[in-house]
PDB file of N, CA and C in Angstrom:
ATOM      1  N   UNK A   1     -46.708 -15.305  -0.677  1.00  0.00           N
ATOM      2  CA  UNK A   1     -45.771 -16.419  -0.740  1.00  0.00           C
ATOM      3  C   UNK A   1     -44.554 -16.085   0.122  1.00  0.00           C
ATOM      4  N   UNK A   2     -44.299 -16.905   1.084  1.00  0.00           N
ATOM      5  CA  UNK A   2     -43.171 -16.720   1.979  1.00  0.00           C
ATOM      6  C   UNK A   2     -41.952 -17.469   1.444  1.00  0.00           C
ATOM      7  N   UNK A   3     -40.762 -16.866   1.612  1.00  0.00           N
ATOM      8  CA  UNK A   3     -39.561 -17.585   1.177  1.00  0.00           C
ATOM      9  C   UNK A   3     -39.329 -18.819   2.045  1.00  0.00           C
ATOM     10  N   UNK A   4     -38.807 -19.818   1.446  1.00  0.00           N
ATOM     11  CA  UNK A   4     -38.506 -21.041   2.185  1.00  0.00           C
ATOM     12  C   UNK A   4     -37.121 -20.911   2.814  1.00  0.00           C
ATOM     13  N   UNK A   5     -36.851 -21.691   3.818  1.00  0.00           N
ATOM     14  CA  UNK A   5     -35.505 -21.667   4.404  1.00  0.00           C
ATOM     15  C   UNK A   5     -34.426 -21.954   3.360  1.00  0.00           C
ATOM     16  N   UNK A   6     -34.756 -22.807   2.398  1.00  0.00           N
ATOM     17  CA  UNK A   6     -33.791 -23.130   1.334  1.00  0.00           C
ATOM     18  C   UNK A   6     -33.492 -21.897   0.485  1.00  0.00           C
ATOM     19  N   UNK A   7     -34.523 -21.131   0.110  1.00  0.00           N
ATOM     20  CA  UNK A   7     -34.289 -19.948  -0.724  1.00  0.00           C
ATOM     21  C   UNK A   7     -33.536 -18.868   0.058  1.00  0.00           C
ATOM     22  N   UNK A   8     -33.818 -18.759   1.364  1.00  0.00           N
ATOM     23  CA  UNK A   8     -33.072 -17.817   2.195  1.00  0.00           C
ATOM     24  C   UNK A   8     -31.603 -18.210   2.252  1.00  0.00           C
ATOM     25  N   UNK A   9     -31.343 -19.496   2.368  1.00  0.00           N
ATOM     26  CA  UNK A   9     -29.970 -19.993   2.410  1.00  0.00           C
ATOM     27  C   UNK A   9     -29.242 -19.648   1.103  1.00  0.00           C
ATOM     28  N   UNK A  10     -29.930 -19.810  -0.006  1.00  0.00           N
ATOM     29  CA  UNK A  10     -29.332 -19.495  -1.312  1.00  0.00           C
ATOM     30  C   UNK A  10     -29.026 -18.001  -1.414  1.00  0.00           C
ATOM     31  N   UNK A  11     -29.955 -17.170  -0.971  1.00  0.00           N
ATOM     32  CA  UNK A  11     -29.746 -15.719  -1.015  1.00  0.00           C
ATOM     33  C   UNK A  11     -28.554 -15.327  -0.147  1.00  0.00           C
ATOM     34  N   UNK A  12     -28.487 -15.865   1.073  1.00  0.00           N
ATOM     35  CA  UNK A  12     -27.377 -15.552   1.970  1.00  0.00           C
ATOM     36  C   UNK A  12     -26.059 -16.034   1.359  1.00  0.00           C
ATOM     37  N   UNK A  13     -26.061 -17.208   0.767  1.00  0.00           N
ATOM     38  CA  UNK A  13     -24.848 -17.719   0.115  1.00  0.00           C
ATOM     39  C   UNK A  13     -24.412 -16.813  -1.030  1.00  0.00           C
ATOM     40  N   UNK A  14     -25.363 -16.358  -1.826  1.00  0.00           N
ATOM     41  CA  UNK A  14     -25.054 -15.448  -2.929  1.00  0.00           C
ATOM     42  C   UNK A  14     -24.470 -14.127  -2.412  1.00  0.00           C
ATOM     43  N   UNK A  15     -25.061 -13.618  -1.345  1.00  0.00           N
ATOM     44  CA  UNK A  15     -24.576 -12.356  -0.772  1.00  0.00           C
ATOM     45  C   UNK A  15     -23.175 -12.547  -0.194  1.00  0.00           C
ATOM     46  N   UNK A  16     -22.936 -13.669   0.438  1.00  0.00           N
ATOM     47  CA  UNK A  16     -21.580 -13.961   0.949  1.00  0.00           C
ATOM     48  C   UNK A  16     -20.563 -13.947  -0.185  1.00  0.00           C
ATOM     49  N   UNK A  17     -20.917 -14.569  -1.288  1.00  0.00           N
ATOM     50  CA  UNK A  17     -20.015 -14.586  -2.450  1.00  0.00           C
ATOM     51  C   UNK A  17     -19.749 -13.175  -2.954  1.00  0.00           C
ATOM     52  N   UNK A  18     -20.781 -12.334  -2.990  1.00  0.00           N
ATOM     53  CA  UNK A  18     -20.604 -10.940  -3.422  1.00  0.00           C
ATOM     54  C   UNK A  18     -19.675 -10.186  -2.479  1.00  0.00           C
ATOM     55  N   UNK A  19     -19.878 -10.387  -1.191  1.00  0.00           N
ATOM     56  CA  UNK A  19     -19.042  -9.718  -0.192  1.00  0.00           C
ATOM     57  C   UNK A  19     -17.594 -10.178  -0.332  1.00  0.00           C
ATOM     58  N   UNK A  20     -17.363 -11.468  -0.436  1.00  0.00           N
ATOM     59  CA  UNK A  20     -15.996 -11.991  -0.564  1.00  0.00           C
ATOM     60  C   UNK A  20     -15.337 -11.509  -1.850  1.00  0.00           C
ATOM     61  N   UNK A  21     -16.082 -11.464  -2.937  1.00  0.00           N
ATOM     62  CA  UNK A  21     -15.523 -10.975  -4.202  1.00  0.00           C
ATOM     63  C   UNK A  21     -15.146  -9.499  -4.084  1.00  0.00           C
ATOM     64  N   UNK A  22     -15.983  -8.722  -3.431  1.00  0.00           N
ATOM     65  CA  UNK A  22     -15.694  -7.303  -3.242  1.00  0.00           C
ATOM     66  C   UNK A  22     -14.470  -7.103  -2.355  1.00  0.00           C
ATOM     67  N   UNK A  23     -14.362  -7.902  -1.300  1.00  0.00           N
ATOM     68  CA  UNK A  23     -13.194  -7.805  -0.420  1.00  0.00           C
ATOM     69  C   UNK A  23     -11.914  -8.138  -1.186  1.00  0.00           C
ATOM     70  N   UNK A  24     -11.973  -9.129  -2.047  1.00  0.00           N
ATOM     71  CA  UNK A  24     -10.806  -9.508  -2.848  1.00  0.00           C
ATOM     72  C   UNK A  24     -10.437  -8.388  -3.821  1.00  0.00           C
ATOM     73  N   UNK A  25     -11.443  -7.785  -4.450  1.00  0.00           N
ATOM     74  CA  UNK A  25     -11.192  -6.673  -5.368  1.00  0.00           C
ATOM     75  C   UNK A  25     -10.573  -5.488  -4.630  1.00  0.00           C
ATOM     76  N   UNK A  26     -11.061  -5.207  -3.428  1.00  0.00           N
ATOM     77  CA  UNK A  26     -10.503  -4.102  -2.637  1.00  0.00           C
ATOM     78  C   UNK A  26      -9.046  -4.381  -2.270  1.00  0.00           C
ATOM     79  N   UNK A  27      -8.759  -5.609  -1.849  1.00  0.00           N
ATOM     80  CA  UNK A  27      -7.387  -5.955  -1.481  1.00  0.00           C
ATOM     81  C   UNK A  27      -6.454  -5.819  -2.681  1.00  0.00           C
ATOM     82  N   UNK A  28      -6.912  -6.262  -3.837  1.00  0.00           N
ATOM     83  CA  UNK A  28      -6.111  -6.150  -5.053  1.00  0.00           C
ATOM     84  C   UNK A  28      -5.882  -4.688  -5.414  1.00  0.00           C
ATOM     85  N   UNK A  29      -6.915  -3.882  -5.302  1.00  0.00           N
ATOM     86  CA  UNK A  29      -6.791  -2.447  -5.614  1.00  0.00           C
ATOM     87  C   UNK A  29      -5.851  -1.750  -4.645  1.00  0.00           C
ATOM     88  N   UNK A  30      -5.972  -2.065  -3.365  1.00  0.00           N
ATOM     89  CA  UNK A  30      -5.095  -1.455  -2.356  1.00  0.00           C
ATOM     90  C   UNK A  30      -3.653  -1.866  -2.601  1.00  0.00           C
ATOM     91  N   UNK A  31      -3.418  -3.137  -2.876  1.00  0.00           N
ATOM     92  CA  UNK A  31      -2.051  -3.593  -3.143  1.00  0.00           C
ATOM     93  C   UNK A  31      -1.458  -2.893  -4.356  1.00  0.00           C
ATOM     94  N   UNK A  32      -2.241  -2.736  -5.402  1.00  0.00           N
ATOM     95  CA  UNK A  32      -1.754  -2.046  -6.603  1.00  0.00           C
ATOM     96  C   UNK A  32      -1.460  -0.581  -6.300  1.00  0.00           C
ATOM     97  N   UNK A  33      -2.334   0.063  -5.554  1.00  0.00           N
ATOM     98  CA  UNK A  33      -2.134   1.476  -5.210  1.00  0.00           C
ATOM     99  C   UNK A  33      -0.898   1.653  -4.336  1.00  0.00           C
ATOM    100  N   UNK A  34      -0.696   0.764  -3.361  1.00  0.00           N
ATOM    101  CA  UNK A  34       0.485   0.863  -2.496  1.00  0.00           C
ATOM    102  C   UNK A  34       1.763   0.601  -3.280  1.00  0.00           C
ATOM    103  N   UNK A  35       1.743  -0.363  -4.177  1.00  0.00           N
ATOM    104  CA  UNK A  35       2.925  -0.627  -5.006  1.00  0.00           C
ATOM    105  C   UNK A  35       3.262   0.599  -5.853  1.00  0.00           C
ATOM    106  N   UNK A  36       2.262   1.215  -6.433  1.00  0.00           N
ATOM    107  CA  UNK A  36       2.484   2.409  -7.247  1.00  0.00           C
ATOM    108  C   UNK A  36       2.996   3.561  -6.383  1.00  0.00           C
ATOM    109  N   UNK A  37       2.443   3.714  -5.188  1.00  0.00           N
ATOM    110  CA  UNK A  37       2.908   4.753  -4.278  1.00  0.00           C
ATOM    111  C   UNK A  37       4.385   4.571  -3.959  1.00  0.00           C
ATOM    112  N   UNK A  38       4.786   3.349  -3.576  1.00  0.00           N
ATOM    113  CA  UNK A  38       6.184   3.102  -3.231  1.00  0.00           C
ATOM    114  C   UNK A  38       7.098   3.324  -4.432  1.00  0.00           C
ATOM    115  N   UNK A  39       6.636   2.966  -5.614  1.00  0.00           N
ATOM    116  CA  UNK A  39       7.418   3.215  -6.824  1.00  0.00           C
ATOM    117  C   UNK A  39       7.604   4.722  -7.032  1.00  0.00           C
ATOM    118  N   UNK A  40       6.522   5.485  -6.849  1.00  0.00           N
ATOM    119  CA  UNK A  40       6.612   6.942  -7.000  1.00  0.00           C
ATOM    120  C   UNK A  40       7.550   7.559  -5.958  1.00  0.00           C
ATOM    121  N   UNK A  41       7.484   7.075  -4.724  1.00  0.00           N
ATOM    122  CA  UNK A  41       8.374   7.581  -3.668  1.00  0.00           C
ATOM    123  C   UNK A  41       9.826   7.302  -4.047  1.00  0.00           C
ATOM    124  N   UNK A  42      10.105   6.086  -4.464  1.00  0.00           N
ATOM    125  CA  UNK A  42      11.465   5.731  -4.884  1.00  0.00           C
ATOM    126  C   UNK A  42      11.942   6.565  -6.044  1.00  0.00           C
ATOM    127  N   UNK A  43      11.068   6.775  -6.997  1.00  0.00           N
ATOM    128  CA  UNK A  43      11.430   7.601  -8.166  1.00  0.00           C
ATOM    129  C   UNK A  43      11.732   9.025  -7.728  1.00  0.00           C
ATOM    130  N   UNK A  44      10.936   9.559  -6.819  1.00  0.00           N
ATOM    131  CA  UNK A  44      11.144  10.938  -6.346  1.00  0.00           C
ATOM    132  C   UNK A  44      12.477  11.067  -5.624  1.00  0.00           C
ATOM    133  N   UNK A  45      12.792  10.102  -4.767  1.00  0.00           N
ATOM    134  CA  UNK A  45      14.064  10.123  -4.049  1.00  0.00           C
ATOM    135  C   UNK A  45      15.223   9.966  -5.027  1.00  0.00           C
ATOM    136  N   UNK A  46      15.108   9.044  -5.959  1.00  0.00           N
ATOM    137  CA  UNK A  46      16.176   8.857  -6.957  1.00  0.00           C
ATOM    138  C   UNK A  46      16.378  10.091  -7.813  1.00  0.00           C
ATOM    139  N   UNK A  47      15.307  10.767  -8.175  1.00  0.00           N
ATOM    140  CA  UNK A  47      15.441  12.006  -8.943  1.00  0.00           C
ATOM    141  C   UNK A  47      16.220  13.050  -8.149  1.00  0.00           C
ATOM    142  N   UNK A  48      15.986  13.102  -6.861  1.00  0.00           N
ATOM    143  CA  UNK A  48      16.719  14.024  -6.001  1.00  0.00           C
ATOM    144  C   UNK A  48      18.192  13.635  -5.947  1.00  0.00           C
ATOM    145  N   UNK A  49      18.471  12.347  -5.802  1.00  0.00           N
ATOM    146  CA  UNK A  49      19.850  11.880  -5.681  1.00  0.00           C
ATOM    147  C   UNK A  49      20.642  12.056  -6.967  1.00  0.00           C
ATOM    148  N   UNK A  50      19.976  12.019  -8.100  1.00  0.00           N
ATOM    149  CA  UNK A  50      20.665  12.187  -9.388  1.00  0.00           C
ATOM    150  C   UNK A  50      21.366  13.529  -9.500  1.00  0.00           C
ATOM    151  N   UNK A  51      20.995  14.487  -8.662  1.00  0.00           N
ATOM    152  CA  UNK A  51      21.570  15.833  -8.742  1.00  0.00           C
ATOM    153  C   UNK A  51      22.882  15.952  -7.981  1.00  0.00           C
ATOM    154  N   UNK A  52      23.302  14.898  -7.271  1.00  0.00           N
ATOM    155  CA  UNK A  52      24.461  15.001  -6.403  1.00  0.00           C
ATOM    156  C   UNK A  52      25.518  13.970  -6.773  1.00  0.00           C
ATOM    157  N   UNK A  53      26.776  14.402  -6.761  1.00  0.00           N
ATOM    158  CA  UNK A  53      27.865  13.478  -7.078  1.00  0.00           C
ATOM    159  C   UNK A  53      28.104  12.495  -5.927  1.00  0.00           C
ATOM    160  N   UNK A  54      27.859  12.914  -4.714  1.00  0.00           N
ATOM    161  CA  UNK A  54      28.017  12.020  -3.560  1.00  0.00           C
ATOM    162  C   UNK A  54      26.648  11.460  -3.169  1.00  0.00           C
ATOM    163  N   UNK A  55      25.992  10.854  -4.128  1.00  0.00           N
ATOM    164  CA  UNK A  55      24.608  10.399  -3.936  1.00  0.00           C
ATOM    165  C   UNK A  55      24.483   9.367  -2.832  1.00  0.00           C
ATOM    166  N   UNK A  56      25.461   8.494  -2.676  1.00  0.00           N
ATOM    167  CA  UNK A  56      25.323   7.449  -1.657  1.00  0.00           C
ATOM    168  C   UNK A  56      25.303   8.038  -0.253  1.00  0.00           C
ATOM    169  N   UNK A  57      26.217   8.942   0.026  1.00  0.00           N
ATOM    170  CA  UNK A  57      26.267   9.577   1.337  1.00  0.00           C
ATOM    171  C   UNK A  57      25.019  10.423   1.572  1.00  0.00           C
ATOM    172  N   UNK A  58      24.688  11.234   0.582  1.00  0.00           N
ATOM    173  CA  UNK A  58      23.502  12.079   0.707  1.00  0.00           C
ATOM    174  C   UNK A  58      22.247  11.218   0.782  1.00  0.00           C
ATOM    175  N   UNK A  59      22.215  10.129   0.030  1.00  0.00           N
ATOM    176  CA  UNK A  59      21.054   9.245   0.011  1.00  0.00           C
ATOM    177  C   UNK A  59      20.755   8.664   1.373  1.00  0.00           C
ATOM    178  N   UNK A  60      21.795   8.232   2.095  1.00  0.00           N
ATOM    179  CA  UNK A  60      21.594   7.680   3.432  1.00  0.00           C
ATOM    180  C   UNK A  60      21.023   8.745   4.366  1.00  0.00           C
ATOM    181  N   UNK A  61      21.561   9.948   4.262  1.00  0.00           N
ATOM    182  CA  UNK A  61      21.054  11.052   5.089  1.00  0.00           C
ATOM    183  C   UNK A  61      19.601  11.377   4.713  1.00  0.00           C
ATOM    184  N   UNK A  62      19.341  11.468   3.417  1.00  0.00           N
ATOM    185  CA  UNK A  62      18.008  11.832   2.932  1.00  0.00           C
ATOM    186  C   UNK A  62      16.964  10.806   3.363  1.00  0.00           C
ATOM    187  N   UNK A  63      17.267   9.532   3.171  1.00  0.00           N
ATOM    188  CA  UNK A  63      16.324   8.474   3.545  1.00  0.00           C
ATOM    189  C   UNK A  63      16.060   8.507   5.042  1.00  0.00           C
ATOM    190  N   UNK A  64      17.104   8.708   5.834  1.00  0.00           N
ATOM    191  CA  UNK A  64      16.933   8.782   7.286  1.00  0.00           C
ATOM    192  C   UNK A  64      16.031   9.958   7.671  1.00  0.00           C
ATOM    193  N   UNK A  65      16.303  11.112   7.100  1.00  0.00           N
ATOM    194  CA  UNK A  65      15.516  12.306   7.429  1.00  0.00           C
ATOM    195  C   UNK A  65      14.062  12.160   6.984  1.00  0.00           C
ATOM    196  N   UNK A  66      13.862  11.658   5.776  1.00  0.00           N
ATOM    197  CA  UNK A  66      12.496  11.489   5.244  1.00  0.00           C
ATOM    198  C   UNK A  66      11.729  10.465   6.076  1.00  0.00           C
ATOM    199  N   UNK A  67      12.373   9.341   6.346  1.00  0.00           N
ATOM    200  CA  UNK A  67      11.658   8.282   7.064  1.00  0.00           C
ATOM    201  C   UNK A  67      11.278   8.712   8.478  1.00  0.00           C
ATOM    202  N   UNK A  68      12.134   9.477   9.139  1.00  0.00           N
ATOM    203  CA  UNK A  68      11.797   9.956  10.489  1.00  0.00           C
ATOM    204  C   UNK A  68      10.524  10.794  10.459  1.00  0.00           C
ATOM    205  N   UNK A  69      10.412  11.639   9.449  1.00  0.00           N
ATOM    206  CA  UNK A  69       9.236  12.508   9.369  1.00  0.00           C
ATOM    207  C   UNK A  69       7.982  11.741   8.951  1.00  0.00           C
ATOM    208  N   UNK A  70       8.126  10.841   7.983  1.00  0.00           N
ATOM    209  CA  UNK A  70       6.957  10.129   7.464  1.00  0.00           C
ATOM    210  C   UNK A  70       6.488   9.011   8.384  1.00  0.00           C
ATOM    211  N   UNK A  71       7.416   8.348   9.063  1.00  0.00           N
ATOM    212  CA  UNK A  71       7.023   7.239   9.936  1.00  0.00           C
ATOM    213  C   UNK A  71       6.109   7.712  11.063  1.00  0.00           C
ATOM    214  N   UNK A  72       6.395   8.873  11.619  1.00  0.00           N
ATOM    215  CA  UNK A  72       5.546   9.360  12.713  1.00  0.00           C
ATOM    216  C   UNK A  72       4.141   9.707  12.230  1.00  0.00           C
ATOM    217  N   UNK A  73       4.041  10.092  10.980  1.00  0.00           N
ATOM    218  CA  UNK A  73       2.737  10.481  10.443  1.00  0.00           C
ATOM    219  C   UNK A  73       1.990   9.326   9.780  1.00  0.00           C
ATOM    220  N   UNK A  74       2.738   8.436   9.078  1.00  0.00           N
ATOM    221  CA  UNK A  74       2.088   7.404   8.265  1.00  0.00           C
ATOM    222  C   UNK A  74       2.378   5.974   8.701  1.00  0.00           C
ATOM    223  N   UNK A  75       3.182   5.788   9.737  1.00  0.00           N
ATOM    224  CA  UNK A  75       3.400   4.452  10.263  1.00  0.00           C
ATOM    225  C   UNK A  75       4.673   3.777   9.795  1.00  0.00           C
ATOM    226  N   UNK A  76       4.835   2.537  10.256  1.00  0.00           N
ATOM    227  CA  UNK A  76       6.068   1.785  10.079  1.00  0.00           C
ATOM    228  C   UNK A  76       6.412   1.473   8.628  1.00  0.00           C
ATOM    229  N   UNK A  77       5.456   1.576   7.719  1.00  0.00           N
ATOM    230  CA  UNK A  77       5.757   1.319   6.306  1.00  0.00           C
ATOM    231  C   UNK A  77       6.826   2.263   5.775  1.00  0.00           C
ATOM    232  N   UNK A  78       6.972   3.408   6.433  1.00  0.00           N
ATOM    233  CA  UNK A  78       7.939   4.395   5.981  1.00  0.00           C
ATOM    234  C   UNK A  78       9.162   4.448   6.892  1.00  0.00           C
ATOM    235  N   UNK A  79       9.364   3.409   7.707  1.00  0.00           N
ATOM    236  CA  UNK A  79      10.544   3.339   8.569  1.00  0.00           C
ATOM    237  C   UNK A  79      11.783   3.195   7.705  1.00  0.00           C
ATOM    238  N   UNK A  80      12.889   3.690   8.217  1.00  0.00           N
ATOM    239  CA  UNK A  80      14.162   3.658   7.471  1.00  0.00           C
ATOM    240  C   UNK A  80      14.544   2.248   7.070  1.00  0.00           C
ATOM    241  N   UNK A  81      14.280   1.261   7.921  1.00  0.00           N
ATOM    242  CA  UNK A  81      14.651  -0.117   7.610  1.00  0.00           C
ATOM    243  C   UNK A  81      13.913  -0.655   6.383  1.00  0.00           C
ATOM    244  N   UNK A  82      12.803  -0.022   6.005  1.00  0.00           N
ATOM    245  CA  UNK A  82      12.037  -0.455   4.830  1.00  0.00           C
ATOM    246  C   UNK A  82      12.484   0.244   3.551  1.00  0.00           C
ATOM    247  N   UNK A  83      13.417   1.151   3.677  1.00  0.00           N
ATOM    248  CA  UNK A  83      13.886   1.920   2.531  1.00  0.00           C
ATOM    249  C   UNK A  83      15.239   1.399   2.064  1.00  0.00           C
ATOM    250  N   UNK A  84      15.414   1.340   0.769  1.00  0.00           N
ATOM    251  CA  UNK A  84      16.687   0.922   0.185  1.00  0.00           C
ATOM    252  C   UNK A  84      17.141   2.018  -0.747  1.00  0.00           C
ATOM    253  N   UNK A  85      18.376   2.436  -0.577  1.00  0.00           N
ATOM    254  CA  UNK A  85      18.934   3.483  -1.458  1.00  0.00           C
ATOM    255  C   UNK A  85      19.894   2.833  -2.405  1.00  0.00           C
TER     256      UNK A  85
END
């Protein structure tokens, strides 16, 4: 028994739906992981700044120094303009 063009169309449609659902799940997972990463980075920087009385001045220096090193390795997401102290 050979599959009909109609049954092939249904199978391809089902597979497309599976692929699209998987892509959506991956995007959601990546977004959640990136949000958690940025939260952890912010927490780490804030923990460092809590140790200094001149946190604002040191914070600007720290963010600049960190972003210069990370941007070259990990891209524009870690550019200084994307960081808020």
